[in-house]
């Protein structure tokens, strides 16, 4: 009896977990119509490739290099339907121009835009970029 109960609980948890990991999210819009988000905005080659690209492209200031600036820059931006990034805002910075260096490198990146019901949409992203100016 206990084994059967454990098996049922395990099956229910497994099915809930698999539903939580799907990329489709449902929500209601202002007209109470069901809308399905079918894809979130993302860097096409994955996060690892994005950070590798950024580490190669970030041009630190001499002041950042002299002070061996380390930490994290948090930046927000919009992914436009044409894959470009816009409206950069530095939310936290380590100083010495590191935030602007990250912003400059990100401005050249193209993302895969979000899609809702087959329509490309503008979406907001927040990215934490580790910096190490040595």
Foldseek 3Di string as FASTA:
>chain_A
DVVVVVVVVVVVVVVVVVVVPAQWDWDADPVRDIWIFRFAKFQVVDDVVVLVQLVVQQDADPQCQVVFQWDKWKWKWKQALVQFTDDIDTPDDSDRCRNVSSVVSNRPGGINATDIPRRGHMDMDMDIHTDTRD
